[in-house]
Amino acid sequence: MKHVCALFVLVFTLVYISTFHLIQVPYTRTYYFTAFQTMCGMFGSRFQVARLHTQTPFSTTHRDFFPDHCGQTVPFTSDHRWWEELYRPIVGDHIHLFYKMVVNKRPVVFHDRNLTETIPYETPTESCTADYAYKKQWYHTGVHSHCDRSASGGGIIHVHPWSAPNQLRVQGREVTLGMFFESVGVERSTTGRGFLVKGKYVKLNMAYFTGPDRVQDLLTHSEEEIMNLWLVDCHGVVLLWDDDSDMPSVTKEDVEFLETFECHPSDYPRR
């Protein structure tokens, strides 16, 4: 009887082990699953996306899996099927955040910059007839402004990666306040002078709220933290002010103005 029990345990163990498989996401992490587990173990954030790519001799397709719909068994991978780990916003998302910037006690609202910028000569030259040294070409990334303005001087950051050229669009953690600054012409000094806003360098402070009804989530004057703020929260609120101004407030009218801009898809995750 002992031998039968031992044989049963051995067979059961071998069958169970044979169901193990792994999901390896290139350059990020490896997940181990059995055929009896769901995909929920893959997700550590509600903004995470697991994308399964399938390649044939003729084309490639993909399927996205989201945390809210993870209660299914994990599809097996092979030489022609592999996973990619993404974060939102991704192509298909269309979200809006509210910003209010005050410099020298006055609100500043932005429009997208001219995408072609002429750079003057460092030293005038007689050998060339052009009145500029070179042209700098900017581009649309899907993070930009429509020059929207609330009654108190706030604006809207529009995020929709699908509208940018395929090779130039930004998604996930690359969707930052720094990308918005680049779109509207705010530049960070490389010599410690702060941010160039409307032709003047200023030191900025920032407060961030994941929603207009939330308490303050982040308060900083670090230029790096300001540049790398992840613009992932639909109806998030970004407040910016220089050292000569007070922190701007968000009024009831600002909130009503923000809520006229929708989140797409309607089940876009929130914190």
Protein backbone atom coordinates (compact mmCIF):
# COMPACT_ATOMS: atom_id res chain seq x y z
CA MET A 1 0.00 0.00 0.00
CA LYS A 2 2.87 2.33 0.81
CA HIS A 3 4.33 1.74 -2.62
CA VAL A 4 0.99 2.53 -4.26
CA CYS A 5 0.67 5.78 -2.29
CA ALA A 6 4.23 6.74 -3.13
CA LEU A 7 3.62 6.02 -6.80
CA PHE A 8 0.43 8.08 -6.73
CA VAL A 9 2.20 11.04 -5.14
CA LEU A 10 5.04 10.75 -7.66
CA VAL A 11 2.68 10.65 -10.65
CA PHE A 12 0.61 13.53 -9.29
CA THR A 13 3.75 15.61 -8.71
CA LEU A 14 5.04 14.93 -12.21
CA VAL A 15 1.70 15.83 -13.80
CA TYR A 16 1.51 19.03 -11.74
CA ILE A 17 5.06 20.06 -12.61
CA SER A 18 4.34 19.40 -16.28
CA THR A 19 1.72 22.15 -16.16
CA PHE A 20 4.29 24.77 -15.12
CA HIS A 21 5.20 27.35 -17.68
CA LEU A 22 6.76 30.77 -17.49
CA ILE A 23 6.01 34.13 -18.96
CA GLN A 24 9.18 36.03 -19.69
CA VAL A 25 8.88 39.70 -20.49
CA PRO A 26 12.03 40.87 -22.29
CA TYR A 27 14.29 43.16 -20.20
CA THR A 28 11.80 43.28 -17.28
CA ARG A 29 10.80 40.18 -15.32
CA THR A 30 9.80 36.53 -15.41
CA TYR A 31 6.51 35.09 -14.11
CA TYR A 32 5.96 31.42 -13.25
CA PHE A 33 2.47 29.94 -13.62
CA THR A 34 0.66 26.64 -13.79
CA ALA A 35 -2.28 25.82 -16.03
CA PHE A 36 -4.52 26.15 -12.97
CA GLN A 37 -3.65 29.78 -12.24
CA THR A 38 -5.18 32.98 -13.60
CA MET A 39 -3.34 36.01 -14.95
CA CYS A 40 -3.97 38.16 -11.87
CA GLY A 41 -0.49 37.41 -10.57
CA MET A 42 1.00 39.34 -13.48
CA PHE A 43 -0.36 42.70 -12.44
CA GLY A 44 1.15 44.92 -9.77
CA SER A 45 -0.61 48.12 -10.88
CA ARG A 46 -4.06 48.87 -12.22
CA PHE A 47 -2.34 50.85 -14.98
CA GLN A 48 -0.36 47.81 -16.14
CA VAL A 49 -1.08 46.05 -19.44
CA ALA A 50 0.09 42.57 -20.47
CA ARG A 51 0.36 42.34 -24.25
CA LEU A 52 0.65 38.95 -25.96
CA HIS A 53 2.22 39.08 -29.43
CA THR A 54 1.65 36.31 -31.96
CA GLN A 55 3.83 36.07 -35.05
CA THR A 56 3.11 34.10 -38.22
CA PRO A 57 5.26 33.81 -41.35
CA PHE A 58 3.23 36.67 -42.80
CA SER A 59 2.22 39.08 -40.05
CA THR A 60 2.05 39.84 -36.32
CA THR A 61 -0.95 40.45 -34.08
CA HIS A 62 -1.37 41.24 -30.39
CA ARG A 63 -3.92 40.90 -27.62
CA ASP A 64 -4.02 43.06 -24.50
CA PHE A 65 -4.90 41.81 -21.02
CA PHE A 66 -5.89 44.24 -18.25
CA PRO A 67 -6.02 43.86 -14.44
CA ASP A 68 -9.82 44.18 -14.31
CA HIS A 69 -10.21 41.14 -16.58
CA CYS A 70 -7.42 38.90 -15.34
CA GLY A 71 -9.52 35.98 -14.12
CA GLN A 72 -8.61 33.67 -16.97
CA THR A 73 -5.88 31.10 -17.38
CA VAL A 74 -2.59 32.25 -18.80
CA PRO A 75 -2.14 31.62 -22.54
CA PHE A 76 0.94 29.53 -23.27
CA THR A 77 3.87 31.12 -25.04
CA SER A 78 6.11 29.66 -27.72
CA ASP A 79 8.84 30.72 -30.12
CA HIS A 80 6.20 32.68 -32.02
CA ARG A 81 4.26 34.08 -29.04
CA TRP A 82 5.79 36.46 -26.52
CA TRP A 83 4.72 38.94 -23.87
CA GLU A 84 5.33 42.64 -23.50
CA GLU A 85 4.72 44.60 -20.29
CA LEU A 86 3.20 48.05 -20.83
CA TYR A 87 1.77 50.85 -18.74
CA ARG A 88 -0.99 53.26 -19.58
CA PRO A 89 -1.75 55.52 -21.27
CA ILE A 90 -1.41 53.49 -24.46
CA VAL A 91 -2.76 53.86 -27.98
CA GLY A 92 -6.55 53.90 -27.63
CA ASP A 93 -6.52 55.89 -24.38
CA HIS A 94 -7.59 59.54 -24.41
CA ILE A 95 -7.31 61.32 -21.08
CA HIS A 96 -7.13 64.89 -19.77
CA LEU A 97 -5.41 66.52 -16.81
CA PHE A 98 -5.86 70.00 -15.39
CA TYR A 99 -2.86 72.31 -14.89
CA LYS A 100 -2.50 75.75 -13.43
CA MET A 101 0.80 77.62 -13.59
CA VAL A 102 1.43 80.97 -11.90
CA VAL A 103 4.60 82.95 -12.69
CA ASN A 104 5.21 86.42 -11.25
CA LYS A 105 1.73 86.19 -9.69
CA ARG A 106 0.06 85.80 -13.10
CA PRO A 107 -1.46 82.64 -14.64
CA VAL A 108 0.21 81.17 -17.72
CA VAL A 109 -1.73 79.10 -20.29
CA PHE A 110 0.04 77.41 -23.19
CA HIS A 111 -0.57 76.63 -26.82
CA ASP A 112 1.54 74.08 -28.71
CA ARG A 113 4.81 75.54 -29.93
CA ASN A 114 5.71 76.17 -33.54
CA LEU A 115 7.18 72.83 -34.60
CA THR A 116 10.00 74.50 -36.55
CA GLU A 117 12.40 76.70 -34.56
CA THR A 118 15.27 78.68 -36.09
CA ILE A 119 18.42 78.88 -33.94
CA PRO A 120 20.58 82.03 -34.22
CA TYR A 121 24.32 82.00 -34.86
CA GLU A 122 26.58 81.91 -31.83
CA THR A 123 28.93 84.15 -33.78
CA PRO A 124 27.67 86.05 -36.85
CA THR A 125 29.23 84.88 -40.10
CA GLU A 126 29.58 86.46 -43.52
CA SER A 127 30.06 83.15 -45.31
CA CYS A 128 26.34 82.23 -45.24
CA THR A 129 23.34 84.23 -46.39
CA ALA A 130 20.78 82.60 -44.07
CA ASP A 131 19.82 84.64 -41.03
CA TYR A 132 19.90 81.60 -38.72
CA ALA A 133 22.48 78.91 -37.91
CA TYR A 134 20.15 75.92 -38.19
CA LYS A 135 16.55 74.78 -37.78
CA LYS A 136 15.37 72.62 -34.90
CA GLN A 137 12.40 70.38 -35.78
CA TRP A 138 9.98 69.48 -32.98
CA TYR A 139 7.16 66.97 -33.37
CA HIS A 140 3.75 66.02 -32.06
CA THR A 141 3.94 63.22 -29.46
CA GLY A 142 0.29 62.91 -28.41
CA VAL A 143 0.89 64.98 -25.23
CA HIS A 144 -0.08 68.58 -25.87
CA SER A 145 -2.39 71.55 -25.32
CA HIS A 146 -5.40 72.96 -27.14
CA CYS A 147 -4.92 76.29 -25.35
CA ASP A 148 -8.01 75.54 -23.24
CA ARG A 149 -8.49 78.06 -20.44
CA SER A 150 -10.66 78.05 -17.34
CA ALA A 151 -12.06 81.25 -15.87
CA SER A 152 -9.26 81.39 -13.28
CA GLY A 153 -6.42 80.76 -15.73
CA GLY A 154 -6.05 76.97 -15.68
CA GLY A 155 -5.48 74.79 -18.72
CA ILE A 156 -5.86 71.21 -19.95
CA ILE A 157 -3.17 68.66 -20.81
CA HIS A 158 -4.44 66.38 -23.58
CA VAL A 159 -2.99 62.85 -23.77
CA HIS A 160 -3.81 60.60 -26.73
CA PRO A 161 -0.80 58.64 -28.07
CA TRP A 162 -2.65 57.45 -31.18
CA SER A 163 -2.51 60.92 -32.78
CA ALA A 164 1.30 60.98 -33.03
CA PRO A 165 3.32 59.32 -35.82
CA ASN A 166 3.87 55.67 -34.99
CA GLN A 167 7.63 55.95 -34.45
CA LEU A 168 7.40 59.21 -32.47
CA ARG A 169 4.50 58.63 -30.07
CA VAL A 170 5.07 58.19 -26.35
CA GLN A 171 3.15 55.78 -24.11
CA GLY A 172 3.22 54.57 -20.52
CA ARG A 173 5.85 56.02 -18.18
CA GLU A 174 7.20 58.13 -21.04
CA VAL A 175 4.04 60.26 -20.89
CA THR A 176 5.44 62.90 -18.55
CA LEU A 177 5.08 66.56 -17.70
CA GLY A 178 8.44 67.01 -19.41
CA MET A 179 6.89 65.83 -22.68
CA PHE A 180 4.09 68.34 -22.23
CA PHE A 181 6.67 71.07 -21.57
CA GLU A 182 8.47 70.11 -24.77
CA SER A 183 5.22 70.39 -26.73
CA VAL A 184 4.43 73.89 -25.45
CA GLY A 185 7.95 75.33 -25.41
CA VAL A 186 8.92 75.19 -21.72
CA GLU A 187 12.58 74.25 -21.48
CA ARG A 188 14.65 73.10 -18.52
CA SER A 189 18.02 74.80 -18.18
CA THR A 190 21.10 72.61 -18.33
CA THR A 191 22.99 75.07 -16.09
CA GLY A 192 20.65 75.13 -13.09
CA ARG A 193 18.66 78.28 -13.90
CA GLY A 194 15.30 76.49 -13.72
CA PHE A 195 12.65 76.46 -16.45
CA LEU A 196 12.35 78.81 -19.40
CA VAL A 197 8.73 80.03 -19.34
CA LYS A 198 7.67 82.68 -21.83
CA GLY A 199 11.25 83.87 -22.31
CA LYS A 200 12.26 83.99 -18.61
CA TYR A 201 14.00 81.41 -16.42
CA VAL A 202 12.15 80.66 -13.18
CA LYS A 203 12.40 78.10 -10.38
CA LEU A 204 9.18 76.09 -10.16
CA ASN A 205 7.38 74.32 -7.36
CA MET A 206 4.79 71.59 -8.07
CA ALA A 207 1.88 69.98 -6.28
CA TYR A 208 0.14 66.99 -7.83
CA PHE A 209 -3.27 65.49 -7.13
CA THR A 210 -4.48 62.24 -8.72
CA GLY A 211 -7.97 63.79 -8.89
CA PRO A 212 -9.65 67.12 -8.12
CA ASP A 213 -11.31 65.64 -5.03
CA ARG A 214 -8.10 64.09 -3.66
CA VAL A 215 -5.66 65.33 -1.07
CA GLN A 216 -2.23 66.39 -2.25
CA ASP A 217 -0.26 63.36 -3.46
CA LEU A 218 3.07 65.00 -4.25
CA LEU A 219 4.75 68.30 -3.35
CA THR A 220 8.19 69.01 -4.78
CA HIS A 221 10.58 71.62 -6.13
CA SER A 222 12.89 68.98 -7.66
CA GLU A 223 13.30 69.74 -11.35
CA GLU A 224 13.79 66.06 -12.12
CA GLU A 225 10.61 65.04 -10.29
CA ILE A 226 8.70 67.80 -12.08
CA MET A 227 9.98 66.73 -15.49
CA ASN A 228 9.30 63.04 -14.85
CA LEU A 229 5.79 63.39 -13.39
CA TRP A 230 3.80 60.50 -14.89
CA LEU A 231 0.67 61.85 -16.59
CA VAL A 232 -1.41 58.70 -16.09
CA ASP A 233 -4.37 59.93 -14.03
CA CYS A 234 -7.38 61.08 -16.01
CA HIS A 235 -8.58 64.31 -14.34
CA GLY A 236 -5.35 64.58 -12.38
CA VAL A 237 -4.37 68.09 -11.26
CA VAL A 238 -0.92 69.71 -11.69
CA LEU A 239 -0.22 73.00 -9.88
CA LEU A 240 2.97 74.94 -10.67
CA TRP A 241 4.22 78.24 -9.30
CA ASP A 242 7.47 80.20 -9.04
CA ASP A 243 9.14 81.39 -5.84
CA ASP A 244 7.59 84.86 -6.20
CA SER A 245 4.04 83.49 -6.29
CA ASP A 246 1.73 81.57 -4.00
CA MET A 247 0.54 78.06 -4.73
CA PRO A 248 -2.52 78.40 -7.00
CA SER A 249 -5.88 77.06 -5.86
CA VAL A 250 -8.35 74.86 -7.70
CA THR A 251 -11.77 76.47 -7.75
CA LYS A 252 -15.18 74.91 -8.14
CA GLU A 253 -15.29 76.41 -11.62
CA ASP A 254 -11.95 74.76 -12.44
CA VAL A 255 -13.32 71.35 -11.45
CA GLU A 256 -16.48 71.88 -13.52
CA PHE A 257 -14.30 72.95 -16.44
CA LEU A 258 -12.11 69.83 -16.11
CA GLU A 259 -15.13 67.54 -15.97
CA THR A 260 -16.26 68.72 -19.41
CA PHE A 261 -13.30 66.72 -20.76
CA GLU A 262 -13.98 62.98 -20.81
CA CYS A 263 -11.87 59.90 -20.10
CA HIS A 264 -11.70 57.25 -22.81
CA PRO A 265 -12.32 54.40 -22.49
CA SER A 266 -15.05 54.91 -19.92
CA ASP A 267 -13.52 52.21 -17.66
CA TYR A 268 -10.08 53.82 -17.69
CA PRO A 269 -8.51 52.99 -14.30
CA ARG A 270 -8.29 55.45 -11.43
CA ARG A 271 -6.29 55.48 -8.23
